[in-house]
């Protein structure tokens, strides 16, 4: 990623330098899953998404992040 610093006056040139990424916190998949699930709940609470959209998104998130507990039951997929 690059960052451009504007010159203080018109006679000076633009300065372009490479911006070093900030150190990122490491999160487990479970932490990321919980954050995403909470965001979906907030969207539902604020009526940004419907209950059907929440159900599908929550089910997809759970499946894709492999957070399904081993119950022996097959995963129910939404049709469509």
PDB file of N, CA and C in Angstrom:
ATOM      1  N   UNK A   1       0.846  -1.171   0.000  1.00  0.00           N
ATOM      2  CA  UNK A   1       0.000   0.000   0.000  1.00  0.00           C
ATOM      3  C   UNK A   1       0.894   1.238   0.000  1.00  0.00           C
ATOM      4  N   UNK A   2       0.496   2.243  -0.754  1.00  0.00           N
ATOM      5  CA  UNK A   2       1.264   3.468  -0.842  1.00  0.00           C
ATOM      6  C   UNK A   2       0.459   4.630  -0.275  1.00  0.00           C
ATOM      7  N   UNK A   3       1.160   5.604   0.201  1.00  0.00           N
ATOM      8  CA  UNK A   3       0.538   6.774   0.806  1.00  0.00           C
ATOM      9  C   UNK A   3       1.168   8.019   0.183  1.00  0.00           C
ATOM     10  N   UNK A   4       0.347   8.977  -0.176  1.00  0.00           N
ATOM     11  CA  UNK A   4       0.844  10.227  -0.760  1.00  0.00           C
ATOM     12  C   UNK A   4       0.706  11.323   0.275  1.00  0.00           C
ATOM     13  N   UNK A   5       1.801  12.026   0.516  1.00  0.00           N
ATOM     14  CA  UNK A   5       1.778  13.167   1.420  1.00  0.00           C
ATOM     15  C   UNK A   5       1.713  14.430   0.574  1.00  0.00           C
ATOM     16  N   UNK A   6       0.734  15.260   0.838  1.00  0.00           N
ATOM     17  CA  UNK A   6       0.599  16.508   0.074  1.00  0.00           C
ATOM     18  C   UNK A   6       1.683  17.489   0.485  1.00  0.00           C
ATOM     19  N   UNK A   7       2.233  18.227  -0.480  1.00  0.00           N
ATOM     20  CA  UNK A   7       3.293  19.188  -0.148  1.00  0.00           C
ATOM     21  C   UNK A   7       2.722  20.392   0.600  1.00  0.00           C
ATOM     22  N   UNK A   8       3.532  20.972   1.476  1.00  0.00           N
ATOM     23  CA  UNK A   8       3.063  22.155   2.207  1.00  0.00           C
ATOM     24  C   UNK A   8       2.884  23.376   1.314  1.00  0.00           C
ATOM     25  N   UNK A   9       3.602  23.423   0.188  1.00  0.00           N
ATOM     26  CA  UNK A   9       3.446  24.555  -0.730  1.00  0.00           C
ATOM     27  C   UNK A   9       3.472  24.041  -2.162  1.00  0.00           C
ATOM     28  N   UNK A  10       3.055  24.888  -3.096  1.00  0.00           N
ATOM     29  CA  UNK A  10       2.977  24.488  -4.505  1.00  0.00           C
ATOM     30  C   UNK A  10       4.348  24.261  -5.134  1.00  0.00           C
ATOM     31  N   UNK A  11       5.366  24.874  -4.588  1.00  0.00           N
ATOM     32  CA  UNK A  11       6.701  24.736  -5.182  1.00  0.00           C
ATOM     33  C   UNK A  11       7.348  23.386  -4.849  1.00  0.00           C
ATOM     34  N   UNK A  12       6.855  22.723  -3.827  1.00  0.00           N
ATOM     35  CA  UNK A  12       7.422  21.434  -3.444  1.00  0.00           C
ATOM     36  C   UNK A  12       6.713  20.307  -4.190  1.00  0.00           C
ATOM     37  N   UNK A  13       7.346  19.163  -4.250  1.00  0.00           N
ATOM     38  CA  UNK A  13       6.782  18.014  -4.944  1.00  0.00           C
ATOM     39  C   UNK A  13       6.050  17.103  -3.975  1.00  0.00           C
ATOM     40  N   UNK A  14       5.176  16.279  -4.557  1.00  0.00           N
ATOM     41  CA  UNK A  14       4.490  15.279  -3.756  1.00  0.00           C
ATOM     42  C   UNK A  14       5.488  14.236  -3.281  1.00  0.00           C
ATOM     43  N   UNK A  15       5.231  13.682  -2.136  1.00  0.00           N
ATOM     44  CA  UNK A  15       6.095  12.641  -1.599  1.00  0.00           C
ATOM     45  C   UNK A  15       5.299  11.342  -1.604  1.00  0.00           C
ATOM     46  N   UNK A  16       5.869  10.323  -2.231  1.00  0.00           N
ATOM     47  CA  UNK A  16       5.230   9.018  -2.304  1.00  0.00           C
ATOM     48  C   UNK A  16       6.122   8.020  -1.582  1.00  0.00           C
ATOM     49  N   UNK A  17       5.579   7.339  -0.607  1.00  0.00           N
ATOM     50  CA  UNK A  17       6.369   6.346   0.087  1.00  0.00           C
ATOM     51  C   UNK A  17       5.497   5.141   0.403  1.00  0.00           C
ATOM     52  N   UNK A  18       6.151   4.033   0.598  1.00  0.00           N
ATOM     53  CA  UNK A  18       5.436   2.811   0.902  1.00  0.00           C
ATOM     54  C   UNK A  18       5.077   2.806   2.380  1.00  0.00           C
ATOM     55  N   UNK A  19       3.815   2.580   2.649  1.00  0.00           N
ATOM     56  CA  UNK A  19       3.324   2.565   4.024  1.00  0.00           C
ATOM     57  C   UNK A  19       3.413   1.138   4.555  1.00  0.00           C
ATOM     58  N   UNK A  20       4.067   0.975   5.657  1.00  0.00           N
ATOM     59  CA  UNK A  20       4.189  -0.347   6.271  1.00  0.00           C
ATOM     60  C   UNK A  20       2.876  -0.703   6.964  1.00  0.00           C
ATOM     61  N   UNK A  21       2.428  -1.932   6.807  1.00  0.00           N
ATOM     62  CA  UNK A  21       1.190  -2.325   7.477  1.00  0.00           C
ATOM     63  C   UNK A  21       1.377  -2.361   8.982  1.00  0.00           C
ATOM     64  N   UNK A  22       0.312  -2.016   9.679  1.00  0.00           N
ATOM     65  CA  UNK A  22       0.347  -2.082  11.136  1.00  0.00           C
ATOM     66  C   UNK A  22       0.306  -3.538  11.567  1.00  0.00           C
ATOM     67  N   UNK A  23       0.965  -3.857  12.687  1.00  0.00           N
ATOM     68  CA  UNK A  23       0.883  -5.247  13.154  1.00  0.00           C
ATOM     69  C   UNK A  23      -0.564  -5.599  13.480  1.00  0.00           C
ATOM     70  N   UNK A  24      -0.996  -6.731  12.995  1.00  0.00           N
ATOM     71  CA  UNK A  24      -2.380  -7.155  13.184  1.00  0.00           C
ATOM     72  C   UNK A  24      -2.473  -8.119  14.357  1.00  0.00           C
ATOM     73  N   UNK A  25      -3.568  -8.014  15.072  1.00  0.00           N
ATOM     74  CA  UNK A  25      -3.800  -8.980  16.138  1.00  0.00           C
ATOM     75  C   UNK A  25      -4.160 -10.317  15.506  1.00  0.00           C
ATOM     76  N   UNK A  26      -3.741 -11.373  16.134  1.00  0.00           N
ATOM     77  CA  UNK A  26      -4.086 -12.704  15.656  1.00  0.00           C
ATOM     78  C   UNK A  26      -5.373 -13.140  16.347  1.00  0.00           C
ATOM     79  N   UNK A  27      -6.315 -13.610  15.559  1.00  0.00           N
ATOM     80  CA  UNK A  27      -7.580 -14.082  16.091  1.00  0.00           C
ATOM     81  C   UNK A  27      -7.771 -15.533  15.690  1.00  0.00           C
ATOM     82  N   UNK A  28      -8.400 -16.284  16.568  1.00  0.00           N
ATOM     83  CA  UNK A  28      -8.724 -17.661  16.221  1.00  0.00           C
ATOM     84  C   UNK A  28      -9.959 -17.662  15.335  1.00  0.00           C
ATOM     85  N   UNK A  29     -10.182 -18.758  14.640  1.00  0.00           N
ATOM     86  CA  UNK A  29     -11.383 -18.875  13.813  1.00  0.00           C
ATOM     87  C   UNK A  29     -12.634 -18.731  14.662  1.00  0.00           C
ATOM     88  N   UNK A  30     -12.598 -19.243  15.884  1.00  0.00           N
ATOM     89  CA  UNK A  30     -13.770 -19.133  16.751  1.00  0.00           C
ATOM     90  C   UNK A  30     -14.065 -17.682  17.104  1.00  0.00           C
ATOM     91  N   UNK A  31     -13.021 -16.890  17.383  1.00  0.00           N
ATOM     92  CA  UNK A  31     -13.223 -15.469  17.677  1.00  0.00           C
ATOM     93  C   UNK A  31     -13.796 -14.738  16.464  1.00  0.00           C
ATOM     94  N   UNK A  32     -13.249 -15.023  15.282  1.00  0.00           N
ATOM     95  CA  UNK A  32     -13.748 -14.392  14.068  1.00  0.00           C
ATOM     96  C   UNK A  32     -15.192 -14.801  13.790  1.00  0.00           C
ATOM     97  N   UNK A  33     -15.493 -16.065  14.013  1.00  0.00           N
ATOM     98  CA  UNK A  33     -16.855 -16.570  13.836  1.00  0.00           C
ATOM     99  C   UNK A  33     -17.820 -15.831  14.768  1.00  0.00           C
ATOM    100  N   UNK A  34     -17.438 -15.696  16.025  1.00  0.00           N
ATOM    101  CA  UNK A  34     -18.317 -15.007  16.995  1.00  0.00           C
ATOM    102  C   UNK A  34     -18.533 -13.549  16.621  1.00  0.00           C
ATOM    103  N   UNK A  35     -17.493 -12.884  16.132  1.00  0.00           N
ATOM    104  CA  UNK A  35     -17.630 -11.478  15.716  1.00  0.00           C
ATOM    105  C   UNK A  35     -18.579 -11.349  14.522  1.00  0.00           C
ATOM    106  N   UNK A  36     -18.427 -12.255  13.544  1.00  0.00           N
ATOM    107  CA  UNK A  36     -19.300 -12.226  12.374  1.00  0.00           C
ATOM    108  C   UNK A  36     -20.744 -12.538  12.765  1.00  0.00           C
ATOM    109  N   UNK A  37     -20.924 -13.533  13.640  1.00  0.00           N
ATOM    110  CA  UNK A  37     -22.270 -13.901  14.081  1.00  0.00           C
ATOM    111  C   UNK A  37     -22.919 -12.744  14.838  1.00  0.00           C
ATOM    112  N   UNK A  38     -22.149 -12.058  15.665  1.00  0.00           N
ATOM    113  CA  UNK A  38     -22.684 -10.916  16.407  1.00  0.00           C
ATOM    114  C   UNK A  38     -23.082  -9.796  15.450  1.00  0.00           C
ATOM    115  N   UNK A  39     -22.306  -9.590  14.407  1.00  0.00           N
ATOM    116  CA  UNK A  39     -22.641  -8.577  13.411  1.00  0.00           C
ATOM    117  C   UNK A  39     -23.966  -8.930  12.725  1.00  0.00           C
ATOM    118  N   UNK A  40     -24.152 -10.206  12.392  1.00  0.00           N
ATOM    119  CA  UNK A  40     -25.416 -10.632  11.787  1.00  0.00           C
ATOM    120  C   UNK A  40     -26.586 -10.393  12.739  1.00  0.00           C
ATOM    121  N   UNK A  41     -26.374 -10.701  14.025  1.00  0.00           N
ATOM    122  CA  UNK A  41     -27.444 -10.465  15.018  1.00  0.00           C
ATOM    123  C   UNK A  41     -27.791  -8.980  15.118  1.00  0.00           C
ATOM    124  N   UNK A  42     -26.769  -8.136  15.054  1.00  0.00           N
ATOM    125  CA  UNK A  42     -26.991  -6.692  15.103  1.00  0.00           C
ATOM    126  C   UNK A  42     -27.777  -6.228  13.884  1.00  0.00           C
ATOM    127  N   UNK A  43     -27.420  -6.747  12.699  1.00  0.00           N
ATOM    128  CA  UNK A  43     -28.168  -6.391  11.492  1.00  0.00           C
ATOM    129  C   UNK A  43     -29.627  -6.800  11.616  1.00  0.00           C
ATOM    130  N   UNK A  44     -29.867  -7.976  12.177  1.00  0.00           N
ATOM    131  CA  UNK A  44     -31.240  -8.441  12.361  1.00  0.00           C
ATOM    132  C   UNK A  44     -31.979  -7.550  13.361  1.00  0.00           C
ATOM    133  N   UNK A  45     -31.313  -7.230  14.449  1.00  0.00           N
ATOM    134  CA  UNK A  45     -31.908  -6.388  15.485  1.00  0.00           C
ATOM    135  C   UNK A  45     -32.274  -5.005  14.941  1.00  0.00           C
ATOM    136  N   UNK A  46     -31.417  -4.454  14.090  1.00  0.00           N
ATOM    137  CA  UNK A  46     -31.653  -3.131  13.501  1.00  0.00           C
ATOM    138  C   UNK A  46     -32.541  -3.203  12.257  1.00  0.00           C
ATOM    139  N   UNK A  47     -33.005  -4.411  11.936  1.00  0.00           N
ATOM    140  CA  UNK A  47     -33.879  -4.662  10.792  1.00  0.00           C
ATOM    141  C   UNK A  47     -33.221  -4.303   9.453  1.00  0.00           C
ATOM    142  N   UNK A  48     -31.906  -4.463   9.404  1.00  0.00           N
ATOM    143  CA  UNK A  48     -31.175  -4.255   8.160  1.00  0.00           C
ATOM    144  C   UNK A  48     -31.338  -5.461   7.255  1.00  0.00           C
ATOM    145  N   UNK A  49     -31.495  -6.637   7.880  1.00  0.00           N
ATOM    146  CA  UNK A  49     -31.739  -7.878   7.138  1.00  0.00           C
ATOM    147  C   UNK A  49     -32.978  -8.545   7.717  1.00  0.00           C
ATOM    148  N   UNK A  50     -33.585  -9.416   6.931  1.00  0.00           N
ATOM    149  CA  UNK A  50     -34.769 -10.143   7.380  1.00  0.00           C
ATOM    150  C   UNK A  50     -34.345 -11.379   8.166  1.00  0.00           C
ATOM    151  N   UNK A  51     -35.316 -11.985   8.834  1.00  0.00           N
ATOM    152  CA  UNK A  51     -35.042 -13.221   9.574  1.00  0.00           C
ATOM    153  C   UNK A  51     -34.547 -14.311   8.629  1.00  0.00           C
ATOM    154  N   UNK A  52     -35.130 -14.391   7.435  1.00  0.00           N
ATOM    155  CA  UNK A  52     -34.712 -15.395   6.453  1.00  0.00           C
ATOM    156  C   UNK A  52     -33.269 -15.156   6.013  1.00  0.00           C
ATOM    157  N   UNK A  53     -32.906 -13.881   5.784  1.00  0.00           N
ATOM    158  CA  UNK A  53     -31.527 -13.567   5.407  1.00  0.00           C
ATOM    159  C   UNK A  53     -30.561 -13.904   6.537  1.00  0.00           C
ATOM    160  N   UNK A  54     -30.974 -13.598   7.772  1.00  0.00           N
ATOM    161  CA  UNK A  54     -30.145 -13.932   8.929  1.00  0.00           C
ATOM    162  C   UNK A  54     -29.936 -15.433   9.018  1.00  0.00           C
ATOM    163  N   UNK A  55     -31.020 -16.190   8.913  1.00  0.00           N
ATOM    164  CA  UNK A  55     -30.930 -17.650   9.031  1.00  0.00           C
ATOM    165  C   UNK A  55     -29.973 -18.225   7.995  1.00  0.00           C
ATOM    166  N   UNK A  56     -30.110 -17.778   6.745  1.00  0.00           N
ATOM    167  CA  UNK A  56     -29.248 -18.297   5.688  1.00  0.00           C
ATOM    168  C   UNK A  56     -27.800 -17.883   5.904  1.00  0.00           C
ATOM    169  N   UNK A  57     -27.568 -16.617   6.213  1.00  0.00           N
ATOM    170  CA  UNK A  57     -26.206 -16.131   6.411  1.00  0.00           C
ATOM    171  C   UNK A  57     -25.545 -16.801   7.611  1.00  0.00           C
ATOM    172  N   UNK A  58     -26.295 -16.977   8.687  1.00  0.00           N
ATOM    173  CA  UNK A  58     -25.760 -17.615   9.893  1.00  0.00           C
ATOM    174  C   UNK A  58     -25.414 -19.076   9.609  1.00  0.00           C
ATOM    175  N   UNK A  59     -26.290 -19.752   8.893  1.00  0.00           N
ATOM    176  CA  UNK A  59     -26.055 -21.158   8.532  1.00  0.00           C
ATOM    177  C   UNK A  59     -24.827 -21.266   7.622  1.00  0.00           C
ATOM    178  N   UNK A  60     -24.731 -20.382   6.616  1.00  0.00           N
ATOM    179  CA  UNK A  60     -23.579 -20.392   5.702  1.00  0.00           C
ATOM    180  C   UNK A  60     -22.274 -20.087   6.446  1.00  0.00           C
ATOM    181  N   UNK A  61     -22.310 -19.092   7.332  1.00  0.00           N
ATOM    182  CA  UNK A  61     -21.131 -18.741   8.121  1.00  0.00           C
ATOM    183  C   UNK A  61     -20.684 -19.923   8.973  1.00  0.00           C
ATOM    184  N   UNK A  62     -21.633 -20.553   9.622  1.00  0.00           N
ATOM    185  CA  UNK A  62     -21.334 -21.694  10.481  1.00  0.00           C
ATOM    186  C   UNK A  62     -20.712 -22.833   9.678  1.00  0.00           C
ATOM    187  N   UNK A  63     -21.262 -23.083   8.516  1.00  0.00           N
ATOM    188  CA  UNK A  63     -20.741 -24.162   7.667  1.00  0.00           C
ATOM    189  C   UNK A  63     -19.354 -23.827   7.119  1.00  0.00           C
ATOM    190  N   UNK A  64     -19.176 -22.624   6.608  1.00  0.00           N
ATOM    191  CA  UNK A  64     -17.903 -22.252   5.977  1.00  0.00           C
ATOM    192  C   UNK A  64     -16.764 -22.142   6.974  1.00  0.00           C
ATOM    193  N   UNK A  65     -17.072 -21.770   8.193  1.00  0.00           N
ATOM    194  CA  UNK A  65     -16.019 -21.650   9.205  1.00  0.00           C
ATOM    195  C   UNK A  65     -15.865 -22.937  10.017  1.00  0.00           C
ATOM    196  N   UNK A  66     -16.570 -23.976   9.590  1.00  0.00           N
ATOM    197  CA  UNK A  66     -16.463 -25.291  10.219  1.00  0.00           C
ATOM    198  C   UNK A  66     -16.761 -25.236  11.719  1.00  0.00           C
ATOM    199  N   UNK A  67     -17.819 -24.519  12.083  1.00  0.00           N
ATOM    200  CA  UNK A  67     -18.194 -24.382  13.486  1.00  0.00           C
ATOM    201  C   UNK A  67     -19.375 -25.276  13.852  1.00  0.00           C
ATOM    202  N   UNK A  68     -19.654 -26.255  13.002  1.00  0.00           N
ATOM    203  CA  UNK A  68     -20.766 -27.156  13.260  1.00  0.00           C
ATOM    204  C   UNK A  68     -20.298 -28.243  14.214  1.00  0.00           C
ATOM    205  N   UNK A  69     -21.040 -28.410  15.310  1.00  0.00           N
ATOM    206  CA  UNK A  69     -20.695 -29.455  16.253  1.00  0.00           C
ATOM    207  C   UNK A  69     -21.005 -30.807  15.627  1.00  0.00           C
ATOM    208  N   UNK A  70     -20.207 -31.777  15.922  1.00  0.00           N
ATOM    209  CA  UNK A  70     -20.373 -33.105  15.356  1.00  0.00           C
ATOM    210  C   UNK A  70     -21.532 -33.815  16.051  1.00  0.00           C
ATOM    211  N   UNK A  71     -22.717 -33.696  15.451  1.00  0.00           N
ATOM    212  CA  UNK A  71     -23.907 -34.326  16.011  1.00  0.00           C
ATOM    213  C   UNK A  71     -24.249 -35.608  15.282  1.00  0.00           C
ATOM    214  N   UNK A  72     -23.577 -35.846  14.171  1.00  0.00           N
ATOM    215  CA  UNK A  72     -23.881 -37.023  13.372  1.00  0.00           C
ATOM    216  C   UNK A  72     -25.003 -36.774  12.383  1.00  0.00           C
ATOM    217  N   UNK A  73     -25.697 -35.647  12.535  1.00  0.00           N
ATOM    218  CA  UNK A  73     -26.802 -35.315  11.627  1.00  0.00           C
ATOM    219  C   UNK A  73     -26.239 -34.640  10.388  1.00  0.00           C
ATOM    220  N   UNK A  74     -26.820 -34.910   9.223  1.00  0.00           N
ATOM    221  CA  UNK A  74     -26.345 -34.230   8.011  1.00  0.00           C
ATOM    222  C   UNK A  74     -26.654 -32.741   8.076  1.00  0.00           C
ATOM    223  N   UNK A  75     -25.842 -31.957   7.382  1.00  0.00           N
ATOM    224  CA  UNK A  75     -26.055 -30.507   7.313  1.00  0.00           C
ATOM    225  C   UNK A  75     -27.230 -30.233   6.397  1.00  0.00           C
ATOM    226  N   UNK A  76     -28.172 -29.439   6.890  1.00  0.00           N
ATOM    227  CA  UNK A  76     -29.323 -29.057   6.073  1.00  0.00           C
ATOM    228  C   UNK A  76     -28.939 -27.836   5.250  1.00  0.00           C
ATOM    229  N   UNK A  77     -29.031 -27.958   3.951  1.00  0.00           N
ATOM    230  CA  UNK A  77     -28.710 -26.837   3.059  1.00  0.00           C
ATOM    231  C   UNK A  77     -29.996 -26.146   2.626  1.00  0.00           C
ATOM    232  N   UNK A  78     -29.922 -24.841   2.489  1.00  0.00           N
ATOM    233  CA  UNK A  78     -31.070 -24.078   1.994  1.00  0.00           C
ATOM    234  C   UNK A  78     -31.217 -24.331   0.496  1.00  0.00           C
ATOM    235  N   UNK A  79     -32.418 -24.483   0.059  1.00  0.00           N
ATOM    236  CA  UNK A  79     -32.648 -24.667  -1.383  1.00  0.00           C
ATOM    237  C   UNK A  79     -32.620 -23.304  -2.060  1.00  0.00           C
ATOM    238  N   UNK A  80     -32.132 -23.287  -3.284  1.00  0.00           N
ATOM    239  CA  UNK A  80     -32.164 -22.029  -4.029  1.00  0.00           C
ATOM    240  C   UNK A  80     -30.887 -21.644  -4.502  1.00  0.00           C
TER     241      UNK A  80
END
